[in-house]
Amino acid sequence: DIEVPDDKITSRLSGRRVCSKCGNSYHILY
């Protein structure tokens, strides 16, 4: 079981951004 607090998961996922053309992935923090 890999435990990560909900607030960190929300930050990880909601901070993701994806290129609408090529699909490359970014993050507003990391």
PDB file of all heavy atoms in Angstrom:
ATOM      1  N   ASP A   1       0.847  -1.193   0.000  1.00  0.00           N
ATOM      2  CA  ASP A   1       0.000   0.000   0.000  1.00  0.00           C
ATOM      3  C   ASP A   1       0.880   1.239   0.000  1.00  0.00           C
ATOM      4  O   ASP A   1       1.649   1.458   0.944  1.00  0.00           O
ATOM      5  CB  ASP A   1      -0.905  -0.009   1.241  1.00  0.00           C
ATOM      6  CG  ASP A   1      -1.708   1.275   1.361  1.00  0.00           C
ATOM      7  OD1 ASP A   1      -2.264   1.725   0.339  1.00  0.00           O
ATOM      8  OD2 ASP A   1      -1.768   1.824   2.468  1.00  0.00           O
ATOM      9  N   ILE A   2       0.788   2.043  -1.060  1.00  0.00           N
ATOM     10  CA  ILE A   2       1.564   3.281  -1.150  1.00  0.00           C
ATOM     11  C   ILE A   2       0.693   4.424  -0.637  1.00  0.00           C
ATOM     12  O   ILE A   2      -0.331   4.752  -1.238  1.00  0.00           O
ATOM     13  CB  ILE A   2       2.041   3.529  -2.590  1.00  0.00           C
ATOM     14  CG1 ILE A   2       2.927   2.354  -3.042  1.00  0.00           C
ATOM     15  CG2 ILE A   2       2.807   4.850  -2.689  1.00  0.00           C
ATOM     16  CD1 ILE A   2       3.332   2.406  -4.483  1.00  0.00           C
ATOM     17  N   GLU A   3       1.100   5.002   0.486  1.00  0.00           N
ATOM     18  CA  GLU A   3       0.310   6.023   1.176  1.00  0.00           C
ATOM     19  C   GLU A   3       0.800   7.428   0.822  1.00  0.00           C
ATOM     20  O   GLU A   3       1.981   7.743   1.022  1.00  0.00           O
ATOM     21  CB  GLU A   3       0.431   5.828   2.689  1.00  0.00           C
ATOM     22  CG  GLU A   3      -0.318   4.635   3.225  1.00  0.00           C
ATOM     23  CD  GLU A   3      -1.784   4.949   3.464  1.00  0.00           C
ATOM     24  OE1 GLU A   3      -2.092   5.955   4.102  1.00  0.00           O
ATOM     25  OE2 GLU A   3      -2.609   4.165   2.996  1.00  0.00           O
ATOM     26  N   VAL A   4      -0.098   8.239   0.299  1.00  0.00           N
ATOM     27  CA  VAL A   4       0.188   9.649   0.039  1.00  0.00           C
ATOM     28  C   VAL A   4      -1.028  10.452   0.514  1.00  0.00           C
ATOM     29  O   VAL A   4      -2.158  10.105   0.163  1.00  0.00           O
ATOM     30  CB  VAL A   4       0.445   9.914  -1.464  1.00  0.00           C
ATOM     31  CG1 VAL A   4       0.688  11.397  -1.719  1.00  0.00           C
ATOM     32  CG2 VAL A   4       1.630   9.093  -1.971  1.00  0.00           C
ATOM     33  N   PRO A   5      -0.825  11.507   1.318  1.00  0.00           N
ATOM     34  CA  PRO A   5      -1.967  12.291   1.812  1.00  0.00           C
ATOM     35  C   PRO A   5      -2.788  12.890   0.664  1.00  0.00           C
ATOM     36  O   PRO A   5      -2.251  13.233  -0.393  1.00  0.00           O
ATOM     37  CB  PRO A   5      -1.301  13.404   2.637  1.00  0.00           C
ATOM     38  CG  PRO A   5       0.049  12.881   2.982  1.00  0.00           C
ATOM     39  CD  PRO A   5       0.460  12.004   1.847  1.00  0.00           C
ATOM     40  N   ASP A   6      -4.087  13.037   0.906  1.00  0.00           N
ATOM     41  CA  ASP A   6      -4.989  13.552  -0.125  1.00  0.00           C
ATOM     42  C   ASP A   6      -4.558  14.915  -0.659  1.00  0.00           C
ATOM     43  O   ASP A   6      -4.661  15.177  -1.854  1.00  0.00           O
ATOM     44  CB  ASP A   6      -6.415  13.669   0.424  1.00  0.00           C
ATOM     45  CG  ASP A   6      -7.127  12.328   0.489  1.00  0.00           C
ATOM     46  OD1 ASP A   6      -6.468  11.301   0.217  1.00  0.00           O
ATOM     47  OD2 ASP A   6      -8.329  12.301   0.800  1.00  0.00           O
ATOM     48  N   ASP A   7      -4.088  15.797   0.229  1.00  0.00           N
ATOM     49  CA  ASP A   7      -3.729  17.139  -0.243  1.00  0.00           C
ATOM     50  C   ASP A   7      -2.554  17.095  -1.212  1.00  0.00           C
ATOM     51  O   ASP A   7      -2.506  17.853  -2.187  1.00  0.00           O
ATOM     52  CB  ASP A   7      -3.432  18.081   0.936  1.00  0.00           C
ATOM     53  CG  ASP A   7      -2.311  17.595   1.835  1.00  0.00           C
ATOM     54  OD1 ASP A   7      -1.979  16.393   1.807  1.00  0.00           O
ATOM     55  OD2 ASP A   7      -1.757  18.423   2.584  1.00  0.00           O
ATOM     56  N   LYS A   8      -1.619  16.174  -0.975  1.00  0.00           N
ATOM     57  CA  LYS A   8      -0.476  16.044  -1.893  1.00  0.00           C
ATOM     58  C   LYS A   8      -0.920  15.448  -3.228  1.00  0.00           C
ATOM     59  O   LYS A   8      -0.438  15.853  -4.288  1.00  0.00           O
ATOM     60  CB  LYS A   8       0.627  15.182  -1.263  1.00  0.00           C
ATOM     61  CG  LYS A   8       1.374  15.888  -0.152  1.00  0.00           C
ATOM     62  CD  LYS A   8       2.629  15.145   0.238  1.00  0.00           C
ATOM     63  CE  LYS A   8       3.420  15.918   1.283  1.00  0.00           C
ATOM     64  NZ  LYS A   8       4.668  15.225   1.670  1.00  0.00           N
ATOM     65  N   ILE A   9      -1.815  14.473  -3.170  1.00  0.00           N
ATOM     66  CA  ILE A   9      -2.337  13.885  -4.404  1.00  0.00           C
ATOM     67  C   ILE A   9      -3.071  14.939  -5.220  1.00  0.00           C
ATOM     68  O   ILE A   9      -2.876  15.052  -6.449  1.00  0.00           O
ATOM     69  CB  ILE A   9      -3.271  12.698  -4.089  1.00  0.00           C
ATOM     70  CG1 ILE A   9      -2.445  11.494  -3.638  1.00  0.00           C
ATOM     71  CG2 ILE A   9      -4.120  12.322  -5.320  1.00  0.00           C
ATOM     72  CD1 ILE A   9      -3.248  10.301  -3.207  1.00  0.00           C
ATOM     73  N   THR A  10      -3.901  15.731  -4.548  1.00  0.00           N
ATOM     74  CA  THR A  10      -4.650  16.783  -5.252  1.00  0.00           C
ATOM     75  C   THR A  10      -3.697  17.768  -5.903  1.00  0.00           C
ATOM     76  O   THR A  10      -3.890  18.184  -7.058  1.00  0.00           O
ATOM     77  CB  THR A  10      -5.589  17.511  -4.274  1.00  0.00           C
ATOM     78  OG1 THR A  10      -6.478  16.555  -3.688  1.00  0.00           O
ATOM     79  CG2 THR A  10      -6.407  18.575  -4.987  1.00  0.00           C
ATOM     80  N   SER A  11      -2.634  18.133  -5.181  1.00  0.00           N
ATOM     81  CA  SER A  11      -1.638  19.058  -5.734  1.00  0.00           C
ATOM     82  C   SER A  11      -0.922  18.450  -6.938  1.00  0.00           C
ATOM     83  O   SER A  11      -0.737  19.104  -7.963  1.00  0.00           O
ATOM     84  CB  SER A  11      -0.624  19.430  -4.655  1.00  0.00           C
ATOM     85  OG  SER A  11       0.427  20.197  -5.181  1.00  0.00           O
ATOM     86  N   ARG A  12      -0.556  17.177  -6.813  1.00  0.00           N
ATOM     87  CA  ARG A  12       0.130  16.479  -7.913  1.00  0.00           C
ATOM     88  C   ARG A  12      -0.733  16.443  -9.170  1.00  0.00           C
ATOM     89  O   ARG A  12      -0.287  16.774 -10.263  1.00  0.00           O
ATOM     90  CB  ARG A  12       0.442  15.031  -7.511  1.00  0.00           C
ATOM     91  CG  ARG A  12       1.654  14.818  -6.665  1.00  0.00           C
ATOM     92  CD  ARG A  12       1.845  13.324  -6.444  1.00  0.00           C
ATOM     93  NE  ARG A  12       2.866  13.034  -5.458  1.00  0.00           N
ATOM     94  CZ  ARG A  12       3.198  11.808  -5.079  1.00  0.00           C
ATOM     95  NH1 ARG A  12       2.574  10.760  -5.603  1.00  0.00           N
ATOM     96  NH2 ARG A  12       4.130  11.612  -4.180  1.00  0.00           N
ATOM     97  N   LEU A  13      -1.973  16.000  -8.995  1.00  0.00           N
ATOM     98  CA  LEU A  13      -2.830  15.773 -10.158  1.00  0.00           C
ATOM     99  C   LEU A  13      -3.384  17.070 -10.736  1.00  0.00           C
ATOM    100  O   LEU A  13      -3.371  17.275 -11.952  1.00  0.00           O
ATOM    101  CB  LEU A  13      -3.979  14.826  -9.795  1.00  0.00           C
ATOM    102  CG  LEU A  13      -3.574  13.403  -9.386  1.00  0.00           C
ATOM    103  CD1 LEU A  13      -4.814  12.544  -9.181  1.00  0.00           C
ATOM    104  CD2 LEU A  13      -2.668  12.758 -10.424  1.00  0.00           C
ATOM    105  N   SER A  14      -3.873  17.956  -9.864  1.00  0.00           N
ATOM    106  CA  SER A  14      -4.503  19.177 -10.388  1.00  0.00           C
ATOM    107  C   SER A  14      -3.465  20.141 -10.945  1.00  0.00           C
ATOM    108  O   SER A  14      -3.809  21.067 -11.688  1.00  0.00           O
ATOM    109  CB  SER A  14      -5.343  19.857  -9.310  1.00  0.00           C
ATOM    110  OG  SER A  14      -4.539  20.256  -8.224  1.00  0.00           O
ATOM    111  N   GLY A  15      -2.184  19.915 -10.612  1.00  0.00           N
ATOM    112  CA  GLY A  15      -1.119  20.760 -11.158  1.00  0.00           C
ATOM    113  C   GLY A  15      -0.580  20.295 -12.498  1.00  0.00           C
ATOM    114  O   GLY A  15       0.247  20.973 -13.113  1.00  0.00           O
ATOM    115  N   ARG A  16      -1.026  19.155 -12.977  1.00  0.00           N
ATOM    116  CA  ARG A  16      -0.531  18.643 -14.265  1.00  0.00           C
ATOM    117  C   ARG A  16      -1.106  19.453 -15.423  1.00  0.00           C
ATOM    118  O   ARG A  16      -2.270  19.853 -15.398  1.00  0.00           O
ATOM    119  CB  ARG A  16      -0.907  17.172 -14.449  1.00  0.00           C
ATOM    120  CG  ARG A  16      -0.101  16.244 -13.568  1.00  0.00           C
ATOM    121  CD  ARG A  16      -0.162  14.804 -13.993  1.00  0.00           C
ATOM    122  NE  ARG A  16      -1.499  14.238 -14.016  1.00  0.00           N
ATOM    123  CZ  ARG A  16      -1.761  12.929 -13.895  1.00  0.00           C
ATOM    124  NH1 ARG A  16      -0.758  12.082 -13.731  1.00  0.00           N
ATOM    125  NH2 ARG A  16      -2.990  12.486 -13.933  1.00  0.00           N
ATOM    126  N   ARG A  17      -0.289  19.647 -16.445  1.00  0.00           N
ATOM    127  CA  ARG A  17      -0.730  20.276 -17.672  1.00  0.00           C
ATOM    128  C   ARG A  17      -0.194  19.457 -18.846  1.00  0.00           C
ATOM    129  O   ARG A  17       0.944  18.970 -18.794  1.00  0.00           O
ATOM    130  CB  ARG A  17      -0.219  21.724 -17.783  1.00  0.00           C
ATOM    131  CG  ARG A  17      -0.714  22.654 -16.674  1.00  0.00           C
ATOM    132  CD  ARG A  17      -2.215  22.903 -16.751  1.00  0.00           C
ATOM    133  NE  ARG A  17      -2.668  23.867 -15.744  1.00  0.00           N
ATOM    134  CZ  ARG A  17      -3.075  23.532 -14.532  1.00  0.00           C
ATOM    135  NH1 ARG A  17      -3.063  22.257 -14.147  1.00  0.00           N
ATOM    136  NH2 ARG A  17      -3.496  24.469 -13.685  1.00  0.00           N
ATOM    137  N   VAL A  18      -1.001  19.330 -19.873  1.00  0.00           N
ATOM    138  CA  VAL A  18      -0.629  18.504 -21.026  1.00  0.00           C
ATOM    139  C   VAL A  18      -0.714  19.350 -22.289  1.00  0.00           C
ATOM    140  O   VAL A  18      -1.645  20.150 -22.457  1.00  0.00           O
ATOM    141  CB  VAL A  18      -1.578  17.284 -21.137  1.00  0.00           C
ATOM    142  CG1 VAL A  18      -1.226  16.447 -22.359  1.00  0.00           C
ATOM    143  CG2 VAL A  18      -1.501  16.428 -19.885  1.00  0.00           C
ATOM    144  N   CYS A  19       0.251  19.158 -23.183  1.00  0.00           N
ATOM    145  CA  CYS A  19       0.248  19.905 -24.442  1.00  0.00           C
ATOM    146  C   CYS A  19      -0.893  19.407 -25.330  1.00  0.00           C
ATOM    147  O   CYS A  19      -1.028  18.201 -25.573  1.00  0.00           O
ATOM    148  CB  CYS A  19       1.575  19.750 -25.176  1.00  0.00           C
ATOM    149  SG  CYS A  19       1.595  20.589 -26.776  1.00  0.00           S
ATOM    150  N   SER A  20      -1.685  20.367 -25.814  1.00  0.00           N
ATOM    151  CA  SER A  20      -2.835  20.009 -26.654  1.00  0.00           C
ATOM    152  C   SER A  20      -2.419  19.527 -28.033  1.00  0.00           C
ATOM    153  O   SER A  20      -3.209  18.911 -28.749  1.00  0.00           O
ATOM    154  CB  SER A  20      -3.772  21.216 -26.801  1.00  0.00           C
ATOM    155  OG  SER A  20      -3.066  22.334 -27.310  1.00  0.00           O
ATOM    156  N   LYS A  21      -1.140  19.758 -28.402  1.00  0.00           N
ATOM    157  CA  LYS A  21      -0.665  19.326 -29.728  1.00  0.00           C
ATOM    158  C   LYS A  21       0.114  18.009 -29.664  1.00  0.00           C
ATOM    159  O   LYS A  21      -0.230  17.036 -30.313  1.00  0.00           O
ATOM    160  CB  LYS A  21       0.230  20.412 -30.354  1.00  0.00           C
ATOM    161  CG  LYS A  21      -0.515  21.601 -30.929  1.00  0.00           C
ATOM    162  CD  LYS A  21       0.475  22.510 -31.667  1.00  0.00           C
ATOM    163  CE  LYS A  21      -0.248  23.719 -32.263  1.00  0.00           C
ATOM    164  NZ  LYS A  21       0.729  24.616 -32.931  1.00  0.00           N
ATOM    165  N   CYS A  22       1.191  17.998 -28.854  1.00  0.00           N
ATOM    166  CA  CYS A  22       2.084  16.824 -28.874  1.00  0.00           C
ATOM    167  C   CYS A  22       1.896  15.888 -27.682  1.00  0.00           C
ATOM    168  O   CYS A  22       2.448  14.784 -27.662  1.00  0.00           O
ATOM    169  CB  CYS A  22       3.544  17.257 -28.967  1.00  0.00           C
ATOM    170  SG  CYS A  22       4.196  18.037 -27.457  1.00  0.00           S
ATOM    171  N   GLY A  23       1.151  16.330 -26.660  1.00  0.00           N
ATOM    172  CA  GLY A  23       0.879  15.452 -25.519  1.00  0.00           C
ATOM    173  C   GLY A  23       1.934  15.460 -24.430  1.00  0.00           C
ATOM    174  O   GLY A  23       1.811  14.738 -23.440  1.00  0.00           O
ATOM    175  N   ASN A  24       2.999  16.266 -24.579  1.00  0.00           N
ATOM    176  CA  ASN A  24       4.021  16.342 -23.528  1.00  0.00           C
ATOM    177  C   ASN A  24       3.398  16.822 -22.220  1.00  0.00           C
ATOM    178  O   ASN A  24       2.478  17.630 -22.218  1.00  0.00           O
ATOM    179  CB  ASN A  24       5.136  17.306 -23.936  1.00  0.00           C
ATOM    180  CG  ASN A  24       6.197  16.617 -24.788  1.00  0.00           C
ATOM    181  OD1 ASN A  24       6.110  15.435 -25.050  1.00  0.00           O
ATOM    182  ND2 ASN A  24       7.189  17.382 -25.228  1.00  0.00           N
ATOM    183  N   SER A  25       3.935  16.302 -21.114  1.00  0.00           N
ATOM    184  CA  SER A  25       3.344  16.575 -19.809  1.00  0.00           C
ATOM    185  C   SER A  25       4.223  17.515 -18.985  1.00  0.00           C
ATOM    186  O   SER A  25       5.459  17.410 -19.008  1.00  0.00           O
ATOM    187  CB  SER A  25       3.141  15.253 -19.068  1.00  0.00           C
ATOM    188  OG  SER A  25       2.497  15.469 -17.840  1.00  0.00           O
ATOM    189  N   TYR A  26       3.575  18.418 -18.264  1.00  0.00           N
ATOM    190  CA  TYR A  26       4.262  19.379 -17.400  1.00  0.00           C
ATOM    191  C   TYR A  26       3.540  19.440 -16.057  1.00  0.00           C
ATOM    192  O   TYR A  26       2.503  18.812 -15.867  1.00  0.00           O
ATOM    193  CB  TYR A  26       4.265  20.775 -18.043  1.00  0.00           C
ATOM    194  CG  TYR A  26       5.006  20.834 -19.357  1.00  0.00           C
ATOM    195  CD1 TYR A  26       4.361  20.501 -20.545  1.00  0.00           C
ATOM    196  CD2 TYR A  26       6.346  21.208 -19.413  1.00  0.00           C
ATOM    197  CE1 TYR A  26       5.037  20.530 -21.757  1.00  0.00           C
ATOM    198  CE2 TYR A  26       7.034  21.251 -20.619  1.00  0.00           C
ATOM    199  CZ  TYR A  26       6.379  20.911 -21.787  1.00  0.00           C
ATOM    200  OH  TYR A  26       7.050  20.943 -22.981  1.00  0.00           O
ATOM    201  N   HIS A  27       4.117  20.231 -15.130  1.00  0.00           N
ATOM    202  CA  HIS A  27       3.469  20.450 -13.837  1.00  0.00           C
ATOM    203  C   HIS A  27       3.756  21.876 -13.389  1.00  0.00           C
ATOM    204  O   HIS A  27       4.898  22.356 -13.540  1.00  0.00           O
ATOM    205  CB  HIS A  27       3.975  19.456 -12.791  1.00  0.00           C
ATOM    206  CG  HIS A  27       3.112  19.369 -11.576  1.00  0.00           C
ATOM    207  ND1 HIS A  27       3.147  20.317 -10.574  1.00  0.00           N
ATOM    208  CD2 HIS A  27       2.165  18.465 -11.212  1.00  0.00           C
ATOM    209  CE1 HIS A  27       2.269  19.993  -9.634  1.00  0.00           C
ATOM    210  NE2 HIS A  27       1.666  18.886 -10.004  1.00  0.00           N
ATOM    211  N   ILE A  28       2.741  22.530 -12.840  1.00  0.00           N
ATOM    212  CA  ILE A  28       2.903  23.938 -12.487  1.00  0.00           C
ATOM    213  C   ILE A  28       3.891  24.151 -11.331  1.00  0.00           C
ATOM    214  O   ILE A  28       4.380  25.261 -11.134  1.00  0.00           O
ATOM    215  CB  ILE A  28       1.543  24.597 -12.142  1.00  0.00           C
ATOM    216  CG1 ILE A  28       0.874  23.898 -10.953  1.00  0.00           C
ATOM    217  CG2 ILE A  28       0.619  24.604 -13.349  1.00  0.00           C
ATOM    218  CD1 ILE A  28      -0.401  24.590 -10.471  1.00  0.00           C
ATOM    219  N   LEU A  29       4.202  23.070 -10.576  1.00  0.00           N
ATOM    220  CA  LEU A  29       5.170  23.181  -9.485  1.00  0.00           C
ATOM    221  C   LEU A  29       6.463  22.425  -9.762  1.00  0.00           C
ATOM    222  O   LEU A  29       7.555  22.920  -9.498  1.00  0.00           O
ATOM    223  CB  LEU A  29       4.565  22.652  -8.174  1.00  0.00           C
ATOM    224  CG  LEU A  29       3.367  23.408  -7.599  1.00  0.00           C
ATOM    225  CD1 LEU A  29       2.869  22.704  -6.355  1.00  0.00           C
ATOM    226  CD2 LEU A  29       3.740  24.852  -7.282  1.00  0.00           C
ATOM    227  N   TYR A  30       6.340  21.200 -10.287  1.00  0.00           N
ATOM    228  CA  TYR A  30       7.494  20.299 -10.357  1.00  0.00           C
ATOM    229  C   TYR A  30       8.169  20.228 -11.728  1.00  0.00           C
ATOM    230  O   TYR A  30       9.320  19.830 -11.825  1.00  0.00           O
ATOM    231  CB  TYR A  30       7.070  18.876  -9.942  1.00  0.00           C
ATOM    232  CG  TYR A  30       6.359  18.831  -8.628  1.00  0.00           C
ATOM    233  CD1 TYR A  30       5.047  18.371  -8.528  1.00  0.00           C
ATOM    234  CD2 TYR A  30       6.984  19.266  -7.458  1.00  0.00           C
ATOM    235  CE1 TYR A  30       4.377  18.341  -7.307  1.00  0.00           C
ATOM    236  CE2 TYR A  30       6.330  19.233  -6.242  1.00  0.00           C
ATOM    237  CZ  TYR A  30       5.026  18.778  -6.166  1.00  0.00           C
ATOM    238  OH  TYR A  30       4.375  18.748  -4.968  1.00  0.00           O
TER     239      TYR A  30
END
